[in-house]
C-alpha atoms as a PDB file:
ATOM      1  CA  MET A   1      -0.421  -0.312  -0.047  1.00  0.00           C
ATOM      2  CA  THR A   2       0.818   3.683  -0.836  1.00  0.00           C
ATOM      3  CA  ALA A   3       0.423   6.623   1.301  1.00  0.00           C
ATOM      4  CA  ILE A   4      -1.585   9.466   0.832  1.00  0.00           C
ATOM      5  CA  GLY A   5       0.403  11.761  -1.668  1.00  0.00           C
ATOM      6  CA  GLU A   6       3.756  12.483  -2.477  1.00  0.00           C
ATOM      7  CA  SER A   7       4.902  14.001   0.686  1.00  0.00           C
ATOM      8  CA  GLY A   8       2.391  11.725   3.287  1.00  0.00           C
ATOM      9  CA  PHE A   9       1.473  13.558   6.365  1.00  0.00           C
ATOM     10  CA  GLY A  10       4.222  15.235   7.987  1.00  0.00           C
ATOM     11  CA  THR A  11       7.358  13.185   9.453  1.00  0.00           C
ATOM     12  CA  GLY A  12       6.198  10.412  11.449  1.00  0.00           C
ATOM     13  CA  PRO A  13       4.297   7.211   9.845  1.00  0.00           C
ATOM     14  CA  ARG A  14       2.483   8.029   7.221  1.00  0.00           C
ATOM     15  CA  PRO A  15      -1.158   6.035   7.045  1.00  0.00           C
ATOM     16  CA  LEU A  16      -1.550   3.667   4.515  1.00  0.00           C
ATOM     17  CA  TRP A  17      -5.039   3.795   2.352  1.00  0.00           C
ATOM     18  CA  ILE A  18      -6.616   1.902   4.244  1.00  0.00           C
ATOM     19  CA  ASP A  19      -6.189   3.917   7.096  1.00  0.00           C
ATOM     20  CA  VAL A  20      -6.895   6.799   5.124  1.00  0.00           C
ATOM     21  CA  ARG A  21     -10.922   5.364   4.225  1.00  0.00           C
ATOM     22  CA  LYS A  22     -11.278   3.779   7.507  1.00  0.00           C
ATOM     23  CA  ALA A  23     -10.473   7.673   8.876  1.00  0.00           C
ATOM     24  CA  LEU A  24     -13.072   8.764   6.561  1.00  0.00           C
ATOM     25  CA  THR A  25     -15.636   6.437   7.630  1.00  0.00           C
ATOM     26  CA  ALA A  26     -15.049   7.639  11.172  1.00  0.00           C
ATOM     27  CA  ILE A  27     -14.903  12.056  10.435  1.00  0.00           C
ATOM     28  CA  ARG A  28     -18.213  11.682   8.118  1.00  0.00           C
ATOM     29  CA  SER A  29     -19.794   9.695  11.544  1.00  0.00           C
ATOM     30  CA  LEU A  30     -18.737  12.203  13.734  1.00  0.00           C
ATOM     31  CA  ILE A  31     -19.974  14.869  11.430  1.00  0.00           C
ATOM     32  CA  SER A  32     -23.640  13.381  10.704  1.00  0.00           C
ATOM     33  CA  LYS A  33     -23.679  12.528  14.610  1.00  0.00           C
ATOM     34  CA  SER A  34     -22.520  16.313  15.524  1.00  0.00           C
ATOM     35  CA  GLU A  35     -24.914  17.813  12.941  1.00  0.00           C
ATOM     36  CA  LYS A  36     -27.511  15.892  14.406  1.00  0.00           C
ATOM     37  CA  THR A  37     -26.324  17.216  18.276  1.00  0.00           C
ATOM     38  CA  LEU A  38     -25.968  20.723  16.790  1.00  0.00           C
ATOM     39  CA  ARG A  39     -29.451  21.077  15.598  1.00  0.00           C
ATOM     40  CA  ARG A  40     -30.460  20.131  19.097  1.00  0.00           C
ATOM     41  CA  LEU A  41     -28.265  22.835  20.967  1.00  0.00           C
ATOM     42  CA  ASP A  42     -29.689  26.585  21.331  1.00  0.00           C
ATOM     43  CA  SER A  43     -27.675  28.684  18.716  1.00  0.00           C
ATOM     44  CA  ASP A  44     -26.488  31.187  21.736  1.00  0.00           C
ATOM     45  CA  THR A  45     -24.732  28.143  23.862  1.00  0.00           C
ATOM     46  CA  TRP A  46     -20.994  27.881  24.262  1.00  0.00           C
ATOM     47  CA  GLN A  47     -21.822  24.384  23.141  1.00  0.00           C
ATOM     48  CA  HIS A  48     -23.323  25.191  19.981  1.00  0.00           C
ATOM     49  CA  ALA A  49     -20.002  27.252  19.114  1.00  0.00           C
ATOM     50  CA  MET A  50     -17.939  24.441  20.114  1.00  0.00           C
ATOM     51  CA  LEU A  51     -19.921  21.932  18.012  1.00  0.00           C
ATOM     52  CA  GLN A  52     -19.687  24.480  14.788  1.00  0.00           C
ATOM     53  CA  ASP A  53     -15.988  24.785  15.052  1.00  0.00           C
ATOM     54  CA  SER A  54     -15.469  21.461  15.379  1.00  0.00           C
ATOM     55  CA  LEU A  55     -17.867  20.594  12.478  1.00  0.00           C
ATOM     56  CA  LYS A  56     -15.630  23.128  10.229  1.00  0.00           C
ATOM     57  CA  ALA A  57     -12.536  21.324  11.479  1.00  0.00           C
ATOM     58  CA  LEU A  58     -14.184  17.902  10.663  1.00  0.00           C
ATOM     59  CA  ARG A  59     -15.503  18.922   7.329  1.00  0.00           C
ATOM     60  CA  LEU A  60     -11.891  20.468   6.262  1.00  0.00           C
ATOM     61  CA  ALA A  61     -10.055  17.049   7.387  1.00  0.00           C
ATOM     62  CA  GLN A  62     -12.553  15.159   5.191  1.00  0.00           C
ATOM     63  CA  ALA A  63     -11.922  17.675   2.702  1.00  0.00           C
ATOM     64  CA  LEU A  64      -7.926  16.955   2.883  1.00  0.00           C
ATOM     65  CA  LEU A  65      -8.427  13.097   3.134  1.00  0.00           C
ATOM     66  CA  ASP A  66     -10.793  12.907   0.109  1.00  0.00           C
ATOM     67  CA  GLN A  67      -7.662  15.185  -1.251  1.00  0.00           C
ATOM     68  CA  ARG A  68     -10.610  17.223  -2.814  1.00  0.00           C
ATOM     69  CA  ALA A  69      -8.030  19.659  -3.748  1.00  0.00           C
ATOM     70  CA  ASP A  70     -10.416  23.183  -4.510  1.00  0.00           C
ATOM     71  CA  ASP A  71     -12.247  22.448  -1.342  1.00  0.00           C
ATOM     72  CA  VAL A  72      -8.840  22.984   0.916  1.00  0.00           C
ATOM     73  CA  SER A  73      -7.359  25.095  -1.382  1.00  0.00           C
ATOM     74  CA  ASP A  74      -9.656  27.834  -0.719  1.00  0.00           C
ATOM     75  CA  ALA A  75      -9.187  27.597   2.954  1.00  0.00           C
ATOM     76  CA  PRO A  76      -7.716  30.104   4.961  1.00  0.00           C
ATOM     77  CA  ARG A  77      -4.149  29.322   6.792  1.00  0.00           C
ATOM     78  CA  GLU A  78      -6.808  30.816   9.435  1.00  0.00           C
ATOM     79  CA  ASP A  79      -9.210  27.876   8.943  1.00  0.00           C
ATOM     80  CA  LEU A  80      -6.267  25.425   8.970  1.00  0.00           C
ATOM     81  CA  ARG A  81      -4.745  26.796  12.649  1.00  0.00           C
ATOM     82  CA  GLN A  82      -7.970  27.137  13.717  1.00  0.00           C
ATOM     83  CA  GLY A  83      -9.214  23.698  13.079  1.00  0.00           C
ATOM     84  CA  LEU A  84      -6.207  22.335  13.974  1.00  0.00           C
ATOM     85  CA  CYS A  85      -7.194  23.635  17.559  1.00  0.00           C
ATOM     86  CA  ALA A  86     -10.255  22.284  17.423  1.00  0.00           C
ATOM     87  CA  LEU A  87      -9.065  18.711  16.576  1.00  0.00           C
ATOM     88  CA  ASP A  88      -6.535  18.831  19.135  1.00  0.00           C
ATOM     89  CA  ALA A  89      -9.863  19.674  21.869  1.00  0.00           C
ATOM     90  CA  THR A  90     -11.519  16.417  20.291  1.00  0.00           C
ATOM     91  CA  ILE A  91      -8.791  14.275  20.589  1.00  0.00           C
ATOM     92  CA  GLY A  92      -8.317  15.667  24.326  1.00  0.00           C
ATOM     93  CA  ARG A  93     -11.637  15.060  25.405  1.00  0.00           C
ATOM     94  CA  VAL A  94     -11.829  11.388  23.564  1.00  0.00           C
ATOM     95  CA  GLU A  95      -8.641  10.658  25.588  1.00  0.00           C
ATOM     96  CA  ARG A  96     -10.123  11.569  28.374  1.00  0.00           C
ATOM     97  CA  THR A  97     -13.286   9.441  28.477  1.00  0.00           C
ATOM     98  CA  LYS A  98     -13.466   6.905  31.236  1.00  0.00           C
ATOM     99  CA  ALA A  99     -11.423   4.425  29.577  1.00  0.00           C
ATOM    100  CA  LEU A 100     -13.925   1.014  27.846  1.00  0.00           C
ATOM    101  CA  ALA A 101     -13.855  -2.437  28.245  1.00  0.00           C
ATOM    102  CA  PRO A 102     -11.371  -3.327  25.602  1.00  0.00           C
ATOM    103  CA  GLY A 103     -13.672  -5.594  22.949  1.00  0.00           C
ATOM    104  CA  THR A 104     -16.980  -3.949  23.311  1.00  0.00           C
ATOM    105  CA  SER A 105     -18.256  -1.637  20.404  1.00  0.00           C
ATOM    106  CA  ALA A 106     -17.938   1.585  22.377  1.00  0.00           C
ATOM    107  CA  HIS A 107     -14.501   0.516  22.805  1.00  0.00           C
ATOM    108  CA  THR A 108     -14.177  -0.055  19.165  1.00  0.00           C
ATOM    109  CA  LEU A 109     -15.828   3.035  18.599  1.00  0.00           C
ATOM    110  CA  GLN A 110     -13.601   5.545  20.596  1.00  0.00           C
ATOM    111  CA  ARG A 111     -10.569   3.660  19.205  1.00  0.00           C
ATOM    112  CA  ASN A 112     -11.638   4.305  15.599  1.00  0.00           C
ATOM    113  CA  ARG A 113     -12.461   7.661  16.129  1.00  0.00           C
ATOM    114  CA  LEU A 114      -9.477   8.744  17.631  1.00  0.00           C
ATOM    115  CA  ASN A 115      -7.353   7.062  15.011  1.00  0.00           C
ATOM    116  CA  ALA A 116      -9.558   9.020  12.703  1.00  0.00           C
ATOM    117  CA  LEU A 117      -8.957  12.265  14.669  1.00  0.00           C
ATOM    118  CA  ARG A 118      -5.166  11.768  14.964  1.00  0.00           C
ATOM    119  CA  ILE A 119      -4.756  11.210  10.918  1.00  0.00           C
ATOM    120  CA  ALA A 120      -6.875  13.933  10.194  1.00  0.00           C
ATOM    121  CA  ARG A 121      -4.515  16.442  12.439  1.00  0.00           C
ATOM    122  CA  ALA A 122      -1.531  15.134  10.726  1.00  0.00           C
ATOM    123  CA  ALA A 123      -3.193  15.608   6.943  1.00  0.00           C
ATOM    124  CA  MET A 124      -3.820  19.180   8.458  1.00  0.00           C
ATOM    125  CA  GLU A 125      -0.225  19.599   9.650  1.00  0.00           C
ATOM    126  CA  ALA A 126       1.089  18.949   6.771  1.00  0.00           C
ATOM    127  CA  GLU A 127      -1.337  20.878   4.491  1.00  0.00           C
ATOM    128  CA  LEU A 128      -0.592  24.120   6.954  1.00  0.00           C
ATOM    129  CA  ALA A 129       3.714  23.383   6.520  1.00  0.00           C
ATOM    130  CA  ARG A 130       3.057  23.150   2.765  1.00  0.00           C
ATOM    131  CA  ARG A 131       1.648  26.221   2.390  1.00  0.00           C
END
């Protein structure tokens, strides 16, 4: 298997295509669930604002992983920086959740989301470095 793009994602181990496909599935799931949650929140709450920031970052990460150049090339550097902050916050929240019993579906979901968020973060860092 080959990794994404010519330069891959930064300096660490590069995710394989299979990892990117799995990450995209998890990112799409997070986007869908977040959109549903966002509709239930009052627009003047901090939770709504935080979720909007996370969704913006997830959509940008999805475009990067899908290699949709038009969606990414128009994104200002500041959006990428803010996206990194939002992904870092989300990764931190997932890492701080109570440990789930290995082998359970909840544990697998948590592990898959965390891996996907880390791949998305690496893609966003690589795009920022490229600019």
